[in-house]
């Protein structure tokens, strides 16, 4: 993983003048230790809070006038901390957090906060989470997710997937749009899916009702939201791309976030081991059982042979049919310019 991609994976990359904070990341090195790293010309105060939106006065000072660009932070296992870096002399602040939730039996569950969006502001941490399926979460995982205070979970999976692997996230409003796995397949079926981005060209139509639901929830209800598919990379990657696009995040950053799934997935926790009797009589179960073999289980890069991200197929389809992502979101997801402005006001800081 390149340094730039690692920073995107762990925290954020922020454009800033040469004198100011320019980069920051949070990395977990063991169950109870985080390392905060940053690049700045001046010393910074390192402030820590349990709340993702805590002001500096409400945070705890962990290190004052720190000039070495690194601070180790103890945190109880399974708990989340948000770090506010405040530059001495300028007062500039930059918030950063651990991107991936360190679940025992979860896959690809991560915060999409921290990315730079419209007006040079950054996506707020602790409000929008993307994930793979959650059928095998442990009690400790459930407790960790409960601390996120999710108000809604939007399940992007087909009816068959939801039946085979129901979520173990509890006491959160559950939202889904019914469709069959057959609707997901492009011409050519599973072979076409494995050959590249053909499936992504169908996402703007297939997932439009889900996007309408997601934007309705984030604009009209208080509390954090999570959404998932089975792997947390394809349908979830498309929905994430649309949310980040609406928030003004650059396309290159969106593509880099999309590619993180290859490193952050743990496929063994995305679908329970399937009963051979079920597999014998269920074509969808048979397809997923095929992914559970050692040869097929390892995540592979989400790119065509020439390096083009599969997600580019969805963007190409949108731009061919609607001209712009903004026009697509307004027409198919109900995200008018006024609602997009409200979204940015609520989810950028």
Protein backbone atom coordinates (compact mmCIF):
# COMPACT_ATOMS: atom_id res chain seq x y z
CA UNK A 1 0.00 0.00 0.00
CA UNK A 2 1.39 3.45 -0.91
CA UNK A 3 1.86 6.12 1.75
CA UNK A 4 -0.98 8.17 0.27
CA UNK A 5 -3.36 5.20 0.19
CA UNK A 6 -2.36 4.21 3.71
CA UNK A 7 -3.23 7.70 4.94
CA UNK A 8 -6.60 7.49 3.23
CA UNK A 9 -7.15 4.07 4.81
CA UNK A 10 -6.27 5.13 8.32
CA UNK A 11 -7.34 8.74 8.52
CA UNK A 12 -7.41 11.50 5.97
CA UNK A 13 -5.39 13.55 3.57
CA UNK A 14 -6.05 17.28 3.69
CA UNK A 15 -4.86 19.96 1.30
CA UNK A 16 -3.46 22.92 3.27
CA UNK A 17 -0.87 25.70 3.08
CA UNK A 18 2.71 24.65 3.66
CA UNK A 19 2.75 26.08 7.22
CA UNK A 20 -0.36 24.21 8.35
CA UNK A 21 -1.40 20.69 9.16
CA UNK A 22 -1.31 18.70 5.95
CA UNK A 23 -1.70 15.01 6.78
CA UNK A 24 -2.99 12.97 9.70
CA UNK A 25 -3.79 9.34 10.39
CA UNK A 26 -4.78 7.02 13.22
CA UNK A 27 -3.58 3.42 13.19
CA UNK A 28 -4.34 0.64 15.68
CA UNK A 29 -1.17 -1.29 16.51
CA UNK A 30 -2.71 -3.57 19.13
CA UNK A 31 -6.03 -4.06 20.91
CA UNK A 32 -5.50 -1.10 23.26
CA UNK A 33 -3.06 1.20 21.44
CA UNK A 34 -3.57 3.75 18.69
CA UNK A 35 -0.82 5.71 16.98
CA UNK A 36 -1.67 9.22 15.79
CA UNK A 37 0.62 10.61 13.10
CA UNK A 38 0.60 13.98 11.40
CA UNK A 39 2.64 16.33 9.26
CA UNK A 40 2.88 19.99 10.29
CA UNK A 41 5.44 22.80 10.34
CA UNK A 42 4.47 23.79 13.89
CA UNK A 43 3.90 21.86 17.13
CA UNK A 44 0.34 20.68 17.74
CA UNK A 45 -1.82 19.94 20.74
CA UNK A 46 -3.32 16.45 20.62
CA UNK A 47 -6.83 16.40 22.08
CA UNK A 48 -8.97 13.28 22.46
CA UNK A 49 -12.70 12.71 22.89
CA UNK A 50 -15.27 9.94 22.80
CA UNK A 51 -17.65 12.14 20.81
CA UNK A 52 -16.99 12.60 17.09
CA UNK A 53 -18.01 16.26 17.14
CA UNK A 54 -16.46 17.42 20.42
CA UNK A 55 -15.05 20.95 20.42
CA UNK A 56 -11.50 21.45 21.66
CA UNK A 57 -12.74 22.77 25.02
CA UNK A 58 -14.69 19.52 25.58
CA UNK A 59 -11.80 17.22 24.64
CA UNK A 60 -9.00 15.90 26.84
CA UNK A 61 -5.48 17.15 26.22
CA UNK A 62 -3.31 14.10 25.56
CA UNK A 63 -0.13 15.86 24.44
CA UNK A 64 0.74 19.57 24.44
CA UNK A 65 2.92 21.34 21.86
CA UNK A 66 3.90 18.01 20.36
CA UNK A 67 6.46 18.52 17.63
CA UNK A 68 7.56 15.02 16.65
CA UNK A 69 4.54 14.18 14.51
CA UNK A 70 3.52 11.07 16.45
CA UNK A 71 1.65 10.23 19.63
CA UNK A 72 0.66 6.87 21.11
CA UNK A 73 -2.75 6.76 22.67
CA UNK A 74 -4.10 4.10 25.01
CA UNK A 75 -7.74 3.19 24.47
CA UNK A 76 -9.81 0.34 25.95
CA UNK A 77 -10.35 -2.55 23.55
CA UNK A 78 -13.51 -2.19 21.50
CA UNK A 79 -13.85 1.54 22.14
CA UNK A 80 -13.50 4.39 19.68
CA UNK A 81 -11.66 7.69 20.08
CA UNK A 82 -11.63 10.86 17.98
CA UNK A 83 -8.50 13.00 17.86
CA UNK A 84 -8.44 16.75 17.32
CA UNK A 85 -5.07 18.16 16.29
CA UNK A 86 -4.70 21.88 17.02
CA UNK A 87 -1.74 23.69 15.54
CA UNK A 88 0.09 26.10 17.81
CA UNK A 89 0.25 29.65 16.51
CA UNK A 90 -2.43 29.30 13.84
CA UNK A 91 -5.17 27.55 15.81
CA UNK A 92 -5.93 25.40 12.79
CA UNK A 93 -7.58 22.13 13.74
CA UNK A 94 -7.88 18.79 11.99
CA UNK A 95 -10.03 15.93 13.26
CA UNK A 96 -9.03 12.33 12.61
CA UNK A 97 -10.06 8.86 13.74
CA UNK A 98 -9.43 5.21 13.10
CA UNK A 99 -11.17 4.37 9.82
CA UNK A 100 -11.69 0.63 10.29
CA UNK A 101 -13.67 -0.72 13.24
CA UNK A 102 -11.57 -3.56 14.70
CA UNK A 103 -14.37 -6.12 14.93
CA UNK A 104 -13.65 -9.70 15.96
CA UNK A 105 -15.94 -11.26 13.35
CA UNK A 106 -16.85 -8.42 11.02
CA UNK A 107 -15.61 -7.42 7.60
CA UNK A 108 -14.83 -4.06 6.06
CA UNK A 109 -16.83 -2.02 8.61
CA UNK A 110 -15.47 1.50 8.33
CA UNK A 111 -16.19 5.17 8.85
CA UNK A 112 -16.30 7.31 5.70
CA UNK A 113 -15.43 10.49 7.63
CA UNK A 114 -12.38 12.68 7.21
CA UNK A 115 -12.25 13.09 3.45
CA UNK A 116 -11.99 16.62 2.11
CA UNK A 117 -15.17 17.75 0.39
CA UNK A 118 -16.90 20.91 -0.79
CA UNK A 119 -15.44 24.24 0.29
CA UNK A 120 -12.31 22.65 1.74
CA UNK A 121 -14.34 21.16 4.61
CA UNK A 122 -14.12 17.53 5.69
CA UNK A 123 -16.71 14.79 5.99
CA UNK A 124 -17.75 14.47 9.62
CA UNK A 125 -16.56 11.39 11.49
CA UNK A 126 -18.90 9.08 13.36
CA UNK A 127 -22.01 9.63 11.25
CA UNK A 128 -21.84 7.37 8.18
CA UNK A 129 -20.45 3.83 8.13
CA UNK A 130 -20.04 1.32 5.30
CA UNK A 131 -19.74 -2.42 5.86
CA UNK A 132 -19.81 -5.96 4.62
CA UNK A 133 -22.44 -8.40 5.89
CA UNK A 134 -22.72 -8.90 9.64
CA UNK A 135 -24.09 -12.44 10.16
CA UNK A 136 -21.32 -13.64 12.50
CA UNK A 137 -20.73 -10.70 14.84
CA UNK A 138 -19.65 -11.64 18.35
CA UNK A 139 -21.20 -10.21 21.51
CA UNK A 140 -18.17 -7.90 21.80
CA UNK A 141 -18.72 -6.73 18.22
CA UNK A 142 -22.37 -6.03 18.96
CA UNK A 143 -21.39 -3.99 22.00
CA UNK A 144 -18.85 -2.01 19.98
CA UNK A 145 -21.40 -1.25 17.27
CA UNK A 146 -24.01 -0.29 19.89
CA UNK A 147 -21.62 2.45 21.05
CA UNK A 148 -21.80 4.01 17.57
CA UNK A 149 -25.43 4.94 18.30
CA UNK A 150 -26.68 3.96 14.90
CA UNK A 151 -30.17 5.20 14.11
CA UNK A 152 -30.53 3.25 10.86
CA UNK A 153 -29.06 0.30 9.01
CA UNK A 154 -29.72 0.12 5.26
CA UNK A 155 -29.17 -3.36 3.86
CA UNK A 156 -28.31 -3.24 0.16
CA UNK A 157 -28.42 -7.01 -0.31
CA UNK A 158 -30.91 -9.06 -2.26
CA UNK A 159 -33.74 -10.91 -0.55
CA UNK A 160 -31.84 -14.20 -0.96
CA UNK A 161 -28.68 -12.89 0.70
CA UNK A 162 -30.62 -11.41 3.60
CA UNK A 163 -32.31 -14.76 4.15
CA UNK A 164 -29.04 -16.73 4.03
CA UNK A 165 -27.10 -14.34 6.27
CA UNK A 166 -29.30 -12.09 8.45
CA UNK A 167 -27.53 -9.25 10.20
CA UNK A 168 -26.65 -9.50 13.88
CA UNK A 169 -26.82 -5.73 14.43
CA UNK A 170 -29.64 -5.37 16.93
CA UNK A 171 -31.90 -2.60 18.23
CA UNK A 172 -31.28 -0.44 15.16
CA UNK A 173 -33.98 0.49 12.65
CA UNK A 174 -33.56 -1.93 9.75
CA UNK A 175 -34.19 -0.75 6.17
CA UNK A 176 -34.14 -2.80 2.96
CA UNK A 177 -35.53 -2.73 -0.58
CA UNK A 178 -36.64 -6.08 -1.90
CA UNK A 179 -35.10 -7.43 -5.10
CA UNK A 180 -33.85 -10.78 -6.35
CA UNK A 181 -30.23 -11.71 -6.87
CA UNK A 182 -31.14 -12.27 -10.51
CA UNK A 183 -31.64 -8.51 -10.89
CA UNK A 184 -27.99 -8.01 -9.94
CA UNK A 185 -26.63 -10.10 -12.77
CA UNK A 186 -25.71 -8.49 -16.10
CA UNK A 187 -26.09 -10.32 -19.38
CA UNK A 188 -23.82 -13.34 -19.14
CA UNK A 189 -24.65 -14.07 -15.48
CA UNK A 190 -21.96 -14.94 -12.95
CA UNK A 191 -19.27 -15.20 -15.65
CA UNK A 192 -19.86 -11.56 -16.58
CA UNK A 193 -19.65 -10.51 -12.94
CA UNK A 194 -16.28 -12.18 -12.59
CA UNK A 195 -14.99 -10.61 -15.78
CA UNK A 196 -15.18 -7.00 -14.67
CA UNK A 197 -17.32 -3.92 -14.39
CA UNK A 198 -20.43 -5.05 -16.31
CA UNK A 199 -22.35 -5.43 -13.06
CA UNK A 200 -21.55 -1.84 -12.07
CA UNK A 201 -23.34 -0.42 -15.09
CA UNK A 202 -26.57 -1.74 -13.62
CA UNK A 203 -26.05 -0.16 -10.21
CA UNK A 204 -27.43 3.32 -11.04
CA UNK A 205 -30.81 1.73 -11.82
CA UNK A 206 -30.81 -1.16 -9.34
CA UNK A 207 -29.68 0.90 -6.36
CA UNK A 208 -31.61 4.12 -7.01
CA UNK A 209 -34.33 3.18 -4.47
CA UNK A 210 -31.63 2.42 -1.89
CA UNK A 211 -29.99 5.79 -2.51
CA UNK A 212 -33.32 7.55 -2.08
CA UNK A 213 -33.71 5.72 1.23
CA UNK A 214 -30.16 6.54 2.38
CA UNK A 215 -30.48 10.26 1.61
CA UNK A 216 -33.89 10.38 3.26
CA UNK A 217 -32.48 8.87 6.44
CA UNK A 218 -29.38 11.06 6.65
CA UNK A 219 -31.30 14.26 5.93
CA UNK A 220 -34.40 13.70 8.04
CA UNK A 221 -33.33 11.67 11.08
CA UNK A 222 -30.85 12.22 13.88
CA UNK A 223 -28.20 9.62 14.58
CA UNK A 224 -25.57 7.72 12.62
CA UNK A 225 -26.29 5.49 9.64
CA UNK A 226 -24.66 2.31 8.37
CA UNK A 227 -25.24 0.48 5.10
CA UNK A 228 -23.90 -2.78 3.75
CA UNK A 229 -23.95 -5.44 1.08
CA UNK A 230 -22.31 -8.86 1.45
CA UNK A 231 -18.67 -7.94 0.79
CA UNK A 232 -19.01 -4.23 1.50
CA UNK A 233 -17.20 -3.39 -1.72
CA UNK A 234 -19.44 -3.41 -4.83
CA UNK A 235 -22.97 -2.19 -4.05
CA UNK A 236 -21.62 -0.57 -0.89
CA UNK A 237 -18.81 0.98 -2.93
CA UNK A 238 -21.31 2.49 -5.36
CA UNK A 239 -23.50 3.95 -2.62
CA UNK A 240 -20.40 5.35 -0.87
CA UNK A 241 -19.28 6.92 -4.14
CA UNK A 242 -22.63 8.65 -4.52
CA UNK A 243 -22.64 9.95 -0.94
CA UNK A 244 -19.08 11.23 -1.19
CA UNK A 245 -19.79 12.77 -4.61
CA UNK A 246 -22.78 14.62 -3.14
CA UNK A 247 -20.47 15.93 -0.41
CA UNK A 248 -17.98 17.23 -2.97
CA UNK A 249 -15.22 14.70 -2.38
CA UNK A 250 -12.89 14.46 -5.42
CA UNK A 251 -13.24 11.45 -7.72
CA UNK A 252 -9.64 10.34 -7.08
CA UNK A 253 -10.28 10.16 -3.33
CA UNK A 254 -13.52 8.24 -3.92
CA UNK A 255 -11.68 5.71 -6.06
CA UNK A 256 -8.93 5.31 -3.45
CA UNK A 257 -11.51 4.70 -0.71
CA UNK A 258 -13.23 2.15 -2.96
CA UNK A 259 -10.00 0.20 -3.45
CA UNK A 260 -9.44 -0.13 0.32
CA UNK A 261 -11.88 -3.04 0.41
CA UNK A 262 -9.22 -5.32 -1.02
CA UNK A 263 -7.10 -4.81 2.11
CA UNK A 264 -9.91 -4.49 4.66
CA UNK A 265 -12.28 -7.33 3.78
CA UNK A 266 -12.38 -10.56 5.81
CA UNK A 267 -14.57 -12.80 3.64
CA UNK A 268 -14.81 -15.58 6.23
CA UNK A 269 -17.14 -13.34 8.26
CA UNK A 270 -19.37 -12.12 5.44
CA UNK A 271 -21.46 -15.25 4.99
CA UNK A 272 -21.93 -18.18 7.40
CA UNK A 273 -20.71 -21.59 6.30
CA UNK A 274 -23.56 -22.88 4.15
CA UNK A 275 -25.30 -26.20 4.72
CA UNK A 276 -24.68 -28.58 1.76
CA UNK A 277 -28.38 -29.47 1.76
CA UNK A 278 -29.26 -25.80 1.27
CA UNK A 279 -26.57 -25.35 -1.37
CA UNK A 280 -27.90 -28.31 -3.38
CA UNK A 281 -31.32 -26.69 -3.81
CA UNK A 282 -30.55 -22.96 -3.83
CA UNK A 283 -28.64 -21.39 -6.74
CA UNK A 284 -27.75 -18.26 -4.75
CA UNK A 285 -26.43 -20.35 -1.86
CA UNK A 286 -24.48 -22.39 -4.39
CA UNK A 287 -22.89 -19.23 -5.80
CA UNK A 288 -21.82 -18.03 -2.34
CA UNK A 289 -20.57 -21.49 -1.40
CA UNK A 290 -18.29 -21.23 -4.43
CA UNK A 291 -16.75 -18.12 -2.91
CA UNK A 292 -16.03 -20.02 0.32
CA UNK A 293 -13.41 -22.28 -1.24
CA UNK A 294 -9.78 -21.43 -0.39
CA UNK A 295 -9.09 -20.61 -4.03
CA UNK A 296 -11.92 -18.07 -4.30
CA UNK A 297 -11.98 -16.59 -0.80
CA UNK A 298 -9.08 -14.13 -1.01
CA UNK A 299 -10.12 -10.59 -2.02
CA UNK A 300 -8.76 -9.44 -5.37
CA UNK A 301 -8.17 -5.88 -6.64
CA UNK A 302 -11.32 -4.23 -7.97
CA UNK A 303 -9.86 -3.34 -11.35
CA UNK A 304 -9.98 -4.40 -14.96
CA UNK A 305 -6.92 -5.97 -16.58
CA UNK A 306 -5.79 -2.48 -17.64
CA UNK A 307 -6.10 -1.13 -14.08
CA UNK A 308 -9.40 0.70 -14.54
CA UNK A 309 -11.50 0.45 -11.34
CA UNK A 310 -14.76 -1.44 -11.77
CA UNK A 311 -16.50 1.54 -10.16
CA UNK A 312 -15.59 3.62 -13.21
CA UNK A 313 -18.24 1.63 -15.08
CA UNK A 314 -20.97 3.05 -12.85
CA UNK A 315 -19.70 6.59 -13.28
CA UNK A 316 -19.51 6.09 -17.07
CA UNK A 317 -23.11 4.84 -17.15
CA UNK A 318 -24.33 7.80 -15.11
CA UNK A 319 -22.50 10.33 -17.23
CA UNK A 320 -23.71 8.74 -20.47
CA UNK A 321 -27.36 8.73 -19.37
CA UNK A 322 -27.61 11.79 -17.11
CA UNK A 323 -24.60 13.97 -17.91
CA UNK A 324 -23.46 14.41 -14.32
CA UNK A 325 -23.66 12.63 -10.97
CA UNK A 326 -25.58 15.62 -9.61
CA UNK A 327 -28.23 15.28 -12.32
CA UNK A 328 -28.50 11.54 -11.64
CA UNK A 329 -28.89 12.03 -7.89
CA UNK A 330 -31.53 14.70 -8.38
CA UNK A 331 -33.60 12.67 -10.82
CA UNK A 332 -33.27 9.16 -9.34
CA UNK A 333 -32.51 9.75 -5.65
CA UNK A 334 -34.43 12.97 -5.03
CA UNK A 335 -31.30 14.89 -4.05
CA UNK A 336 -32.22 18.35 -5.32
CA UNK A 337 -29.66 21.19 -5.18
CA UNK A 338 -31.33 22.44 -1.98
CA UNK A 339 -31.15 18.99 -0.38
CA UNK A 340 -27.53 18.57 -1.49
CA UNK A 341 -26.71 21.92 0.14
CA UNK A 342 -28.44 20.75 3.33
CA UNK A 343 -26.50 17.48 3.21
CA UNK A 344 -23.20 19.34 2.94
CA UNK A 345 -24.15 21.68 5.79
CA UNK A 346 -24.95 18.72 8.03
CA UNK A 347 -22.12 16.36 7.12
CA UNK A 348 -19.12 18.62 6.48
CA UNK A 349 -17.11 20.48 9.09
